[in-house]
């Protein structure tokens, strides 16, 4: 599925960036003075970054983004993600060479490695498989798959804005599970009517 490809690709990128960092750290930083081991690490690392990117970020960034947002805001969401992606690419392009000059040849790759580790962790705990999401839907199925991820379960149970009242039952749903300890009168203080499907969502105080 999409999630498996994403996690596999990001993991390959992370390992490859570590290999490139090691190639510049274990010996001379001048490519012309690299040992055979350094050259092997650099070549395999660069190839791994390209392969991992082609497996994950290249196709899945736009696919997952187009599926995870409801149709009512999909256009604006895609525009915002495009701006964010291009801004990040521009930042890397403008700072790579100057970063090597100031901090050393290995420093930019080490920074990319740290960010890649963070991306891998976030993908593990926060990005669901959107293969079952209905294109053009109202977002209910997206809510269901997001509630299955540990990050959003924890955020829901700790934050008041994520608590939702089951329609007609008057019970609080938190992280996809029913919290029977809460009642209608003392748990739900405000409601927001969903104009699309007539359901309501409660805010716990």
N, C-alpha and C. Protein backbone atom coordinates (compact mmCIF):
# COMPACT_ATOMS: atom_id res chain seq x y z
N UNK A 1 0.81 -1.19 0.00
CA UNK A 1 0.00 0.00 0.00
C UNK A 1 0.85 1.26 0.00
N UNK A 2 0.19 2.39 0.02
CA UNK A 2 0.88 3.68 0.00
C UNK A 2 1.77 3.85 1.23
N UNK A 3 1.26 3.47 2.38
CA UNK A 3 2.01 3.65 3.61
C UNK A 3 3.30 2.81 3.60
N UNK A 4 3.22 1.59 3.11
CA UNK A 4 4.41 0.75 3.04
C UNK A 4 5.46 1.37 2.12
N UNK A 5 5.04 1.86 0.97
CA UNK A 5 5.98 2.50 0.05
C UNK A 5 6.59 3.75 0.67
N UNK A 6 5.77 4.54 1.37
CA UNK A 6 6.27 5.75 2.00
C UNK A 6 7.31 5.43 3.07
N UNK A 7 6.98 4.51 3.96
CA UNK A 7 7.91 4.16 5.03
C UNK A 7 9.19 3.53 4.48
N UNK A 8 9.06 2.68 3.48
CA UNK A 8 10.23 2.04 2.89
C UNK A 8 11.14 3.07 2.24
N UNK A 9 10.54 3.97 1.45
CA UNK A 9 11.34 4.99 0.78
C UNK A 9 12.04 5.94 1.73
N UNK A 10 11.32 6.39 2.74
CA UNK A 10 11.92 7.31 3.72
C UNK A 10 13.02 6.61 4.51
N UNK A 11 12.82 5.35 4.84
CA UNK A 11 13.85 4.59 5.54
C UNK A 11 15.11 4.46 4.69
N UNK A 12 14.94 4.20 3.39
CA UNK A 12 16.09 4.12 2.49
C UNK A 12 16.81 5.46 2.42
N UNK A 13 16.06 6.55 2.33
CA UNK A 13 16.67 7.88 2.30
C UNK A 13 17.45 8.14 3.58
N UNK A 14 16.88 7.79 4.71
CA UNK A 14 17.53 8.04 6.00
C UNK A 14 18.85 7.28 6.10
N UNK A 15 18.83 6.01 5.77
CA UNK A 15 20.05 5.20 5.82
C UNK A 15 21.09 5.73 4.83
N UNK A 16 20.63 6.13 3.65
CA UNK A 16 21.55 6.62 2.62
C UNK A 16 22.20 7.93 3.04
N UNK A 17 21.44 8.82 3.67
CA UNK A 17 22.02 10.08 4.15
C UNK A 17 23.05 9.82 5.24
N UNK A 18 22.80 8.83 6.06
CA UNK A 18 23.79 8.46 7.08
C UNK A 18 25.07 7.95 6.42
N UNK A 19 24.94 7.20 5.35
CA UNK A 19 26.10 6.70 4.63
C UNK A 19 26.90 7.85 4.00
N UNK A 20 26.23 8.81 3.43
CA UNK A 20 26.92 9.96 2.83
C UNK A 20 27.63 10.77 3.91
N UNK A 21 26.97 10.96 5.05
CA UNK A 21 27.60 11.67 6.16
C UNK A 21 28.85 10.94 6.62
N UNK A 22 28.75 9.62 6.72
CA UNK A 22 29.92 8.84 7.13
C UNK A 22 31.04 8.93 6.11
N UNK A 23 30.69 8.99 4.82
CA UNK A 23 31.71 9.08 3.78
C UNK A 23 32.56 10.34 3.93
N UNK A 24 31.93 11.45 4.32
CA UNK A 24 32.66 12.70 4.49
C UNK A 24 33.33 12.81 5.87
N UNK A 25 32.91 11.96 6.80
CA UNK A 25 33.40 12.07 8.17
C UNK A 25 34.57 11.12 8.45
N UNK A 26 34.61 9.97 7.81
CA UNK A 26 35.60 8.94 8.14
C UNK A 26 36.98 9.20 7.56
N UNK A 27 37.11 10.21 6.73
CA UNK A 27 38.41 10.52 6.14
C UNK A 27 38.43 11.94 5.64
N UNK A 28 39.20 12.17 4.60
CA UNK A 28 39.30 13.50 4.03
C UNK A 28 37.96 13.95 3.46
N UNK A 29 37.67 15.26 3.57
CA UNK A 29 36.44 15.80 3.03
C UNK A 29 36.56 16.13 1.55
N UNK A 30 37.76 16.04 1.00
CA UNK A 30 37.97 16.31 -0.42
C UNK A 30 37.67 15.03 -1.21
N UNK A 31 36.75 15.15 -2.18
CA UNK A 31 36.37 13.97 -2.94
C UNK A 31 37.55 13.34 -3.66
N UNK A 32 38.51 14.16 -4.10
CA UNK A 32 39.66 13.62 -4.83
C UNK A 32 40.56 12.77 -3.93
N UNK A 33 40.43 12.93 -2.61
CA UNK A 33 41.26 12.19 -1.68
C UNK A 33 40.48 11.08 -0.96
N UNK A 34 39.31 10.78 -1.43
CA UNK A 34 38.50 9.74 -0.81
C UNK A 34 39.20 8.38 -0.93
N UNK A 35 39.05 7.58 0.11
CA UNK A 35 39.49 6.19 0.04
C UNK A 35 38.44 5.37 -0.70
N UNK A 36 38.77 4.13 -0.99
CA UNK A 36 37.80 3.27 -1.68
C UNK A 36 36.54 3.09 -0.84
N UNK A 37 36.71 2.99 0.48
CA UNK A 37 35.54 2.83 1.35
C UNK A 37 34.67 4.08 1.32
N UNK A 38 35.28 5.25 1.35
CA UNK A 38 34.52 6.49 1.29
C UNK A 38 33.77 6.62 -0.03
N UNK A 39 34.43 6.28 -1.11
CA UNK A 39 33.78 6.36 -2.42
C UNK A 39 32.61 5.40 -2.50
N UNK A 40 32.79 4.20 -1.96
CA UNK A 40 31.70 3.23 -1.99
C UNK A 40 30.51 3.73 -1.18
N UNK A 41 30.78 4.29 0.01
CA UNK A 41 29.70 4.83 0.84
C UNK A 41 28.98 5.98 0.14
N UNK A 42 29.75 6.86 -0.51
CA UNK A 42 29.16 8.01 -1.18
C UNK A 42 28.29 7.59 -2.37
N UNK A 43 28.80 6.64 -3.16
CA UNK A 43 28.05 6.20 -4.34
C UNK A 43 26.77 5.48 -3.93
N UNK A 44 26.90 4.55 -2.99
CA UNK A 44 25.72 3.81 -2.55
C UNK A 44 24.73 4.76 -1.86
N UNK A 45 25.24 5.70 -1.07
CA UNK A 45 24.37 6.65 -0.39
C UNK A 45 23.61 7.54 -1.37
N UNK A 46 24.30 8.08 -2.36
CA UNK A 46 23.63 8.93 -3.36
C UNK A 46 22.60 8.15 -4.14
N UNK A 47 22.95 6.93 -4.53
CA UNK A 47 21.99 6.09 -5.26
C UNK A 47 20.78 5.76 -4.40
N UNK A 48 21.03 5.53 -3.11
CA UNK A 48 19.93 5.22 -2.21
C UNK A 48 18.98 6.39 -2.01
N UNK A 49 19.52 7.60 -1.93
CA UNK A 49 18.66 8.78 -1.79
C UNK A 49 17.76 8.93 -3.00
N UNK A 50 18.34 8.76 -4.20
CA UNK A 50 17.54 8.89 -5.42
C UNK A 50 16.46 7.79 -5.48
N UNK A 51 16.85 6.55 -5.16
CA UNK A 51 15.89 5.45 -5.20
C UNK A 51 14.80 5.62 -4.16
N UNK A 52 15.18 6.00 -2.94
CA UNK A 52 14.19 6.21 -1.89
C UNK A 52 13.23 7.33 -2.21
N UNK A 53 13.74 8.41 -2.81
CA UNK A 53 12.88 9.52 -3.19
C UNK A 53 11.89 9.10 -4.28
N UNK A 54 12.39 8.35 -5.26
CA UNK A 54 11.50 7.88 -6.34
C UNK A 54 10.44 6.93 -5.82
N UNK A 55 10.74 6.23 -4.72
CA UNK A 55 9.79 5.27 -4.15
C UNK A 55 8.76 5.92 -3.25
N UNK A 56 9.10 7.06 -2.65
CA UNK A 56 8.23 7.63 -1.62
C UNK A 56 7.77 9.05 -1.93
N UNK A 57 8.64 10.02 -1.69
CA UNK A 57 8.22 11.42 -1.78
C UNK A 57 7.78 11.81 -3.19
N UNK A 58 8.47 11.32 -4.21
CA UNK A 58 8.17 11.78 -5.57
C UNK A 58 6.72 11.51 -5.97
N UNK A 59 6.23 10.28 -5.86
CA UNK A 59 4.83 10.06 -6.25
C UNK A 59 3.82 10.24 -5.13
N UNK A 60 4.20 9.88 -3.90
CA UNK A 60 3.21 9.78 -2.82
C UNK A 60 2.87 11.11 -2.17
N UNK A 61 3.78 12.09 -2.27
CA UNK A 61 3.47 13.40 -1.67
C UNK A 61 2.16 13.94 -2.23
N UNK A 62 2.05 13.96 -3.54
CA UNK A 62 0.85 14.55 -4.17
C UNK A 62 -0.34 13.60 -4.08
N UNK A 63 -0.08 12.30 -4.11
CA UNK A 63 -1.18 11.34 -4.04
C UNK A 63 -1.85 11.36 -2.68
N UNK A 64 -1.06 11.29 -1.62
CA UNK A 64 -1.62 11.28 -0.27
C UNK A 64 -2.30 12.60 0.05
N UNK A 65 -1.66 13.71 -0.35
CA UNK A 65 -2.26 15.02 -0.08
C UNK A 65 -3.60 15.17 -0.79
N UNK A 66 -3.70 14.66 -2.01
CA UNK A 66 -4.96 14.78 -2.74
C UNK A 66 -6.05 13.91 -2.15
N UNK A 67 -5.68 12.85 -1.41
CA UNK A 67 -6.67 11.95 -0.83
C UNK A 67 -7.03 12.30 0.60
N UNK A 68 -6.15 12.94 1.32
CA UNK A 68 -6.36 13.11 2.75
C UNK A 68 -7.20 14.35 3.07
N UNK A 69 -7.35 15.25 2.11
CA UNK A 69 -8.16 16.44 2.33
C UNK A 69 -9.53 16.27 1.68
N UNK A 70 -10.61 16.71 2.34
CA UNK A 70 -11.94 16.64 1.72
C UNK A 70 -12.04 17.56 0.52
N UNK A 71 -12.98 17.28 -0.35
CA UNK A 71 -13.10 18.03 -1.60
C UNK A 71 -13.37 19.51 -1.37
N UNK A 72 -13.97 19.86 -0.24
CA UNK A 72 -14.31 21.26 0.00
C UNK A 72 -13.09 22.16 0.16
N UNK A 73 -11.97 21.61 0.60
CA UNK A 73 -10.76 22.42 0.79
C UNK A 73 -9.57 21.87 0.02
N UNK A 74 -9.80 20.88 -0.84
CA UNK A 74 -8.69 20.21 -1.49
C UNK A 74 -7.86 21.17 -2.36
N UNK A 75 -8.51 22.05 -3.09
CA UNK A 75 -7.78 22.97 -3.95
C UNK A 75 -6.85 23.87 -3.16
N UNK A 76 -7.36 24.46 -2.08
CA UNK A 76 -6.52 25.33 -1.26
C UNK A 76 -5.42 24.55 -0.55
N UNK A 77 -5.75 23.33 -0.11
CA UNK A 77 -4.75 22.51 0.57
C UNK A 77 -3.62 22.12 -0.38
N UNK A 78 -3.96 21.75 -1.61
CA UNK A 78 -2.93 21.41 -2.59
C UNK A 78 -2.06 22.62 -2.91
N UNK A 79 -2.68 23.79 -2.99
CA UNK A 79 -1.90 25.00 -3.22
C UNK A 79 -0.92 25.29 -2.09
N UNK A 80 -1.39 25.12 -0.86
CA UNK A 80 -0.51 25.36 0.29
C UNK A 80 0.62 24.35 0.34
N UNK A 81 0.34 23.08 0.07
CA UNK A 81 1.40 22.08 0.10
C UNK A 81 2.40 22.31 -1.04
N UNK A 82 1.93 22.79 -2.18
CA UNK A 82 2.86 23.10 -3.28
C UNK A 82 3.80 24.23 -2.90
N UNK A 83 3.26 25.27 -2.28
CA UNK A 83 4.09 26.38 -1.83
C UNK A 83 5.11 25.92 -0.79
N UNK A 84 4.65 25.10 0.15
CA UNK A 84 5.55 24.61 1.20
C UNK A 84 6.67 23.74 0.62
N UNK A 85 6.31 22.86 -0.32
CA UNK A 85 7.31 22.00 -0.95
C UNK A 85 8.34 22.81 -1.72
N UNK A 86 7.89 23.76 -2.51
CA UNK A 86 8.81 24.58 -3.29
C UNK A 86 9.68 25.46 -2.41
N UNK A 87 9.11 25.97 -1.32
CA UNK A 87 9.89 26.79 -0.40
C UNK A 87 10.99 25.97 0.27
N UNK A 88 10.66 24.73 0.67
CA UNK A 88 11.68 23.87 1.27
C UNK A 88 12.78 23.52 0.28
N UNK A 89 12.39 23.24 -0.98
CA UNK A 89 13.39 22.95 -2.00
C UNK A 89 14.29 24.15 -2.26
N UNK A 90 13.71 25.34 -2.29
CA UNK A 90 14.52 26.54 -2.49
C UNK A 90 15.48 26.78 -1.33
N UNK A 91 15.00 26.54 -0.11
CA UNK A 91 15.85 26.72 1.06
C UNK A 91 17.06 25.79 1.01
N UNK A 92 16.83 24.54 0.65
CA UNK A 92 17.94 23.59 0.55
C UNK A 92 18.90 23.99 -0.56
N UNK A 93 18.38 24.42 -1.70
CA UNK A 93 19.23 24.79 -2.83
C UNK A 93 20.11 25.99 -2.51
N UNK A 94 19.57 26.96 -1.77
CA UNK A 94 20.32 28.17 -1.49
C UNK A 94 21.27 28.03 -0.31
N UNK A 95 21.11 27.01 0.51
CA UNK A 95 21.95 26.89 1.70
C UNK A 95 22.93 25.73 1.66
N UNK A 96 22.83 24.85 0.67
CA UNK A 96 23.67 23.65 0.66
C UNK A 96 25.16 23.99 0.54
N UNK A 97 25.53 24.71 -0.49
CA UNK A 97 26.95 25.00 -0.72
C UNK A 97 27.51 25.92 0.36
N UNK A 98 26.77 26.92 0.75
CA UNK A 98 27.25 27.81 1.81
C UNK A 98 27.37 27.06 3.12
N UNK A 99 26.47 26.11 3.38
CA UNK A 99 26.56 25.29 4.59
C UNK A 99 27.80 24.43 4.60
N UNK A 100 28.16 23.89 3.45
CA UNK A 100 29.40 23.11 3.37
C UNK A 100 30.63 23.98 3.59
N UNK A 101 30.61 25.19 3.04
CA UNK A 101 31.75 26.09 3.21
C UNK A 101 31.94 26.50 4.67
N UNK A 102 30.83 26.71 5.37
CA UNK A 102 30.91 27.23 6.74
C UNK A 102 31.11 26.11 7.76
N UNK A 103 30.34 25.03 7.63
CA UNK A 103 30.32 24.00 8.66
C UNK A 103 31.05 22.71 8.26
N UNK A 104 31.46 22.61 7.02
CA UNK A 104 32.12 21.39 6.58
C UNK A 104 31.26 20.62 5.59
N UNK A 105 31.92 19.75 4.82
CA UNK A 105 31.22 19.05 3.76
C UNK A 105 30.15 18.09 4.27
N UNK A 106 30.35 17.55 5.46
CA UNK A 106 29.40 16.56 5.99
C UNK A 106 28.20 17.19 6.68
N UNK A 107 28.31 18.46 7.08
CA UNK A 107 27.27 19.08 7.90
C UNK A 107 25.89 19.10 7.25
N UNK A 108 25.75 19.53 5.99
CA UNK A 108 24.40 19.53 5.40
C UNK A 108 23.77 18.14 5.36
N UNK A 109 24.56 17.11 5.06
CA UNK A 109 24.01 15.76 5.01
C UNK A 109 23.61 15.28 6.40
N UNK A 110 24.36 15.69 7.41
CA UNK A 110 24.00 15.33 8.78
C UNK A 110 22.67 15.99 9.17
N UNK A 111 22.48 17.23 8.76
CA UNK A 111 21.23 17.93 9.06
C UNK A 111 20.07 17.27 8.32
N UNK A 112 20.30 16.93 7.05
CA UNK A 112 19.25 16.24 6.29
C UNK A 112 18.91 14.90 6.93
N UNK A 113 19.92 14.23 7.45
CA UNK A 113 19.69 12.94 8.12
C UNK A 113 18.78 13.12 9.34
N UNK A 114 19.03 14.15 10.14
CA UNK A 114 18.21 14.40 11.32
C UNK A 114 16.76 14.68 10.92
N UNK A 115 16.57 15.50 9.91
CA UNK A 115 15.22 15.79 9.45
C UNK A 115 14.55 14.55 8.85
N UNK A 116 15.34 13.72 8.20
CA UNK A 116 14.79 12.49 7.63
C UNK A 116 14.34 11.52 8.71
N UNK A 117 15.10 11.45 9.81
CA UNK A 117 14.68 10.63 10.94
C UNK A 117 13.35 11.14 11.50
N UNK A 118 13.23 12.46 11.64
CA UNK A 118 11.97 13.04 12.10
C UNK A 118 10.82 12.73 11.16
N UNK A 119 11.08 12.80 9.86
CA UNK A 119 10.04 12.48 8.88
C UNK A 119 9.62 11.02 8.98
N UNK A 120 10.59 10.14 9.20
CA UNK A 120 10.28 8.72 9.32
C UNK A 120 9.43 8.43 10.56
N UNK A 121 9.78 9.06 11.67
CA UNK A 121 9.00 8.89 12.89
C UNK A 121 7.58 9.42 12.70
N UNK A 122 7.47 10.61 12.10
CA UNK A 122 6.15 11.18 11.87
C UNK A 122 5.31 10.31 10.95
N UNK A 123 5.94 9.77 9.90
CA UNK A 123 5.21 8.90 8.99
C UNK A 123 4.74 7.63 9.69
N UNK A 124 5.55 7.13 10.62
CA UNK A 124 5.17 5.90 11.34
C UNK A 124 3.96 6.11 12.24
N UNK A 125 3.91 7.27 12.92
CA UNK A 125 2.87 7.47 13.93
C UNK A 125 1.73 8.36 13.48
N UNK A 126 1.89 9.05 12.33
CA UNK A 126 0.88 10.04 11.98
C UNK A 126 0.27 9.95 10.59
N UNK A 127 0.89 9.22 9.67
CA UNK A 127 0.37 9.17 8.30
C UNK A 127 -0.26 7.81 8.05
N UNK A 128 -1.56 7.78 7.79
CA UNK A 128 -2.24 6.50 7.55
C UNK A 128 -2.14 6.08 6.09
N UNK A 129 -2.59 4.87 5.81
CA UNK A 129 -2.71 4.42 4.43
C UNK A 129 -4.03 4.94 3.88
N UNK A 130 -3.96 5.75 2.84
CA UNK A 130 -5.16 6.39 2.30
C UNK A 130 -5.74 5.63 1.12
N UNK A 131 -5.35 4.37 0.97
CA UNK A 131 -5.83 3.60 -0.17
C UNK A 131 -7.34 3.38 -0.17
N UNK A 132 -7.96 3.36 1.01
CA UNK A 132 -9.40 3.12 1.10
C UNK A 132 -10.22 4.40 1.17
N UNK A 133 -9.56 5.55 1.06
CA UNK A 133 -10.28 6.82 1.12
C UNK A 133 -11.05 7.02 -0.18
N UNK A 134 -12.30 7.43 -0.06
CA UNK A 134 -13.16 7.64 -1.23
C UNK A 134 -12.85 9.00 -1.85
N UNK A 135 -12.42 9.05 -3.11
CA UNK A 135 -12.15 10.34 -3.75
C UNK A 135 -13.39 11.22 -3.79
N UNK A 136 -13.21 12.49 -3.43
CA UNK A 136 -14.32 13.42 -3.45
C UNK A 136 -15.30 13.24 -2.32
N UNK A 137 -14.92 12.49 -1.29
CA UNK A 137 -15.83 12.27 -0.17
C UNK A 137 -15.91 13.46 0.76
N UNK A 138 -16.67 13.29 1.84
CA UNK A 138 -16.88 14.38 2.79
C UNK A 138 -15.85 14.41 3.90
N UNK A 139 -14.91 13.50 3.89
CA UNK A 139 -13.85 13.50 4.89
C UNK A 139 -14.07 12.56 6.05
N UNK A 140 -15.22 11.89 6.12
CA UNK A 140 -15.47 10.98 7.24
C UNK A 140 -14.51 9.81 7.25
N UNK A 141 -14.25 9.24 6.05
CA UNK A 141 -13.33 8.12 5.98
C UNK A 141 -11.91 8.54 6.32
N UNK A 142 -11.56 9.79 6.01
CA UNK A 142 -10.25 10.30 6.38
C UNK A 142 -10.14 10.41 7.90
N UNK A 143 -11.20 10.88 8.54
CA UNK A 143 -11.20 10.94 10.00
C UNK A 143 -11.01 9.57 10.61
N UNK A 144 -11.62 8.57 10.01
CA UNK A 144 -11.51 7.21 10.54
C UNK A 144 -10.08 6.69 10.46
N UNK A 145 -9.43 6.89 9.31
CA UNK A 145 -8.07 6.38 9.17
C UNK A 145 -7.09 7.18 10.01
N UNK A 146 -7.35 8.49 10.18
CA UNK A 146 -6.48 9.30 11.04
C UNK A 146 -6.62 8.88 12.49
N UNK A 147 -7.84 8.54 12.91
CA UNK A 147 -8.05 8.11 14.29
C UNK A 147 -7.35 6.80 14.60
N UNK A 148 -6.98 6.05 13.58
CA UNK A 148 -6.28 4.79 13.81
C UNK A 148 -4.79 4.97 14.06
N UNK A 149 -4.26 6.19 13.86
CA UNK A 149 -2.83 6.43 14.02
C UNK A 149 -2.51 6.87 15.44
N UNK A 150 -1.42 6.40 16.03
CA UNK A 150 -1.09 6.72 17.43
C UNK A 150 -0.99 8.21 17.72
N UNK A 151 -0.42 8.98 16.79
CA UNK A 151 -0.24 10.40 17.04
C UNK A 151 -1.56 11.12 17.23
N UNK A 152 -2.53 10.83 16.36
CA UNK A 152 -3.81 11.52 16.43
C UNK A 152 -4.68 10.96 17.54
N UNK A 153 -4.50 9.69 17.89
CA UNK A 153 -5.19 9.15 19.07
C UNK A 153 -4.77 9.89 20.32
N UNK A 154 -3.46 10.09 20.48
CA UNK A 154 -2.94 10.77 21.65
C UNK A 154 -3.38 12.23 21.67
N UNK A 155 -3.34 12.88 20.50
CA UNK A 155 -3.76 14.28 20.43
C UNK A 155 -5.24 14.42 20.75
N UNK A 156 -6.04 13.44 20.30
CA UNK A 156 -7.48 13.49 20.56
C UNK A 156 -7.78 13.33 22.03
N UNK A 157 -7.12 12.41 22.67
CA UNK A 157 -7.42 12.12 24.07
C UNK A 157 -6.89 13.20 25.01
N UNK A 158 -5.91 13.97 24.56
CA UNK A 158 -5.35 15.03 25.41
C UNK A 158 -5.89 16.41 25.09
N UNK A 159 -6.40 16.58 23.86
CA UNK A 159 -6.89 17.89 23.45
C UNK A 159 -8.40 17.91 23.37
N UNK A 160 -9.00 19.03 23.72
CA UNK A 160 -10.45 19.11 23.77
C UNK A 160 -11.08 19.24 22.39
N UNK A 161 -10.36 19.76 21.41
CA UNK A 161 -10.96 20.05 20.12
C UNK A 161 -11.20 18.80 19.28
N UNK A 162 -10.61 17.69 19.67
CA UNK A 162 -10.75 16.48 18.86
C UNK A 162 -11.87 15.58 19.33
N UNK A 163 -12.46 15.86 20.47
CA UNK A 163 -13.53 15.00 20.97
C UNK A 163 -14.77 15.19 20.12
N UNK A 164 -15.39 14.09 19.76
CA UNK A 164 -16.56 14.16 18.90
C UNK A 164 -17.70 13.37 19.51
N UNK A 165 -18.88 13.90 19.39
CA UNK A 165 -20.04 13.21 19.93
C UNK A 165 -20.67 12.35 18.84
N UNK A 166 -20.91 11.09 19.17
CA UNK A 166 -21.55 10.19 18.22
C UNK A 166 -22.98 10.67 17.96
N UNK A 167 -23.31 10.73 16.70
CA UNK A 167 -24.61 11.26 16.31
C UNK A 167 -25.74 10.42 16.88
N UNK A 168 -26.63 11.05 17.61
CA UNK A 168 -27.82 10.39 18.13
C UNK A 168 -27.59 9.60 19.39
N UNK A 169 -26.34 9.25 19.70
CA UNK A 169 -26.09 8.39 20.86
C UNK A 169 -25.70 9.19 22.08
N UNK A 170 -25.19 10.42 21.86
CA UNK A 170 -24.84 11.25 23.00
C UNK A 170 -23.63 10.74 23.75
N UNK A 171 -22.70 10.06 23.07
CA UNK A 171 -21.52 9.54 23.72
C UNK A 171 -20.27 10.13 23.09
N UNK A 172 -19.23 10.28 23.88
CA UNK A 172 -18.01 10.90 23.41
C UNK A 172 -17.10 9.86 22.78
N UNK A 173 -16.60 10.17 21.57
CA UNK A 173 -15.67 9.30 20.89
C UNK A 173 -14.29 9.95 20.93
N UNK A 174 -13.32 9.25 21.47
CA UNK A 174 -11.97 9.81 21.58
C UNK A 174 -10.99 8.80 21.03
N UNK A 175 -10.28 9.18 19.93
CA UNK A 175 -9.32 8.28 19.32
C UNK A 175 -9.96 7.03 18.78
N UNK A 176 -11.23 7.15 18.34
CA UNK A 176 -11.91 6.01 17.78
C UNK A 176 -12.54 5.10 18.81
N UNK A 177 -12.42 5.43 20.13
CA UNK A 177 -12.98 4.59 21.18
C UNK A 177 -14.00 5.40 21.98
N UNK A 178 -14.99 4.69 22.48
CA UNK A 178 -16.05 5.35 23.22
C UNK A 178 -15.63 5.57 24.67
N UNK A 179 -15.80 6.79 25.14
CA UNK A 179 -15.49 7.11 26.53
C UNK A 179 -16.80 7.16 27.30
N UNK A 180 -17.12 6.08 28.00
CA UNK A 180 -18.42 5.97 28.66
C UNK A 180 -18.46 6.76 29.96
N UNK A 181 -17.31 7.30 30.38
CA UNK A 181 -17.28 8.04 31.64
C UNK A 181 -17.83 9.45 31.49
N UNK A 182 -18.09 9.88 30.25
CA UNK A 182 -18.56 11.23 30.01
C UNK A 182 -20.02 11.20 29.62
N UNK A 183 -20.76 12.18 30.09
CA UNK A 183 -22.18 12.26 29.76
C UNK A 183 -22.44 13.48 28.90
N UNK A 184 -23.68 13.58 28.39
CA UNK A 184 -24.01 14.68 27.51
C UNK A 184 -23.95 16.02 28.23
N UNK A 185 -24.45 16.06 29.43
CA UNK A 185 -24.64 17.34 30.10
C UNK A 185 -23.36 17.94 30.63
N UNK A 186 -22.44 17.10 31.15
CA UNK A 186 -21.24 17.67 31.75
C UNK A 186 -20.02 17.58 30.85
N UNK A 187 -20.12 16.88 29.72
CA UNK A 187 -18.95 16.75 28.86
C UNK A 187 -19.04 17.66 27.63
N UNK A 188 -20.22 17.72 27.03
CA UNK A 188 -20.35 18.48 25.80
C UNK A 188 -20.95 19.84 26.13
N UNK A 189 -20.17 20.88 25.92
CA UNK A 189 -20.63 22.21 26.26
C UNK A 189 -20.91 23.06 25.04
N UNK A 190 -20.26 22.77 23.95
CA UNK A 190 -20.52 23.50 22.72
C UNK A 190 -20.58 22.53 21.57
N UNK A 191 -21.33 22.86 20.55
CA UNK A 191 -21.49 21.98 19.39
C UNK A 191 -21.31 22.79 18.12
N UNK A 192 -20.70 22.15 17.13
CA UNK A 192 -20.57 22.75 15.82
C UNK A 192 -21.30 21.87 14.83
N UNK A 193 -22.28 22.42 14.15
CA UNK A 193 -23.08 21.65 13.23
C UNK A 193 -22.33 21.48 11.93
N UNK A 194 -22.22 20.26 11.49
CA UNK A 194 -21.60 19.96 10.20
C UNK A 194 -22.67 20.09 9.14
N UNK A 195 -22.56 21.11 8.30
CA UNK A 195 -23.61 21.40 7.33
C UNK A 195 -23.68 20.36 6.23
N UNK A 196 -22.60 19.60 6.05
CA UNK A 196 -22.59 18.66 4.94
C UNK A 196 -23.42 17.42 5.24
N UNK A 197 -23.30 16.87 6.47
CA UNK A 197 -23.99 15.61 6.76
C UNK A 197 -24.96 15.70 7.93
N UNK A 198 -25.07 16.88 8.53
CA UNK A 198 -26.03 17.05 9.60
C UNK A 198 -25.56 16.55 10.93
N UNK A 199 -24.31 16.04 11.02
CA UNK A 199 -23.80 15.56 12.29
C UNK A 199 -23.25 16.72 13.07
N UNK A 200 -23.00 16.49 14.38
CA UNK A 200 -22.48 17.55 15.24
C UNK A 200 -21.25 17.04 15.93
N UNK A 201 -20.39 17.99 16.34
CA UNK A 201 -19.17 17.62 17.05
C UNK A 201 -19.12 18.41 18.34
N UNK A 202 -18.73 17.76 19.40
CA UNK A 202 -18.69 18.41 20.70
C UNK A 202 -17.31 18.79 21.11
N UNK A 203 -17.20 19.75 22.00
CA UNK A 203 -15.91 20.16 22.55
C UNK A 203 -15.93 19.90 24.03
N UNK A 204 -15.03 19.11 24.54
CA UNK A 204 -14.96 18.76 25.95
C UNK A 204 -14.24 19.85 26.71
N UNK A 205 -14.79 20.24 27.81
CA UNK A 205 -14.13 21.21 28.68
C UNK A 205 -13.91 20.59 30.05
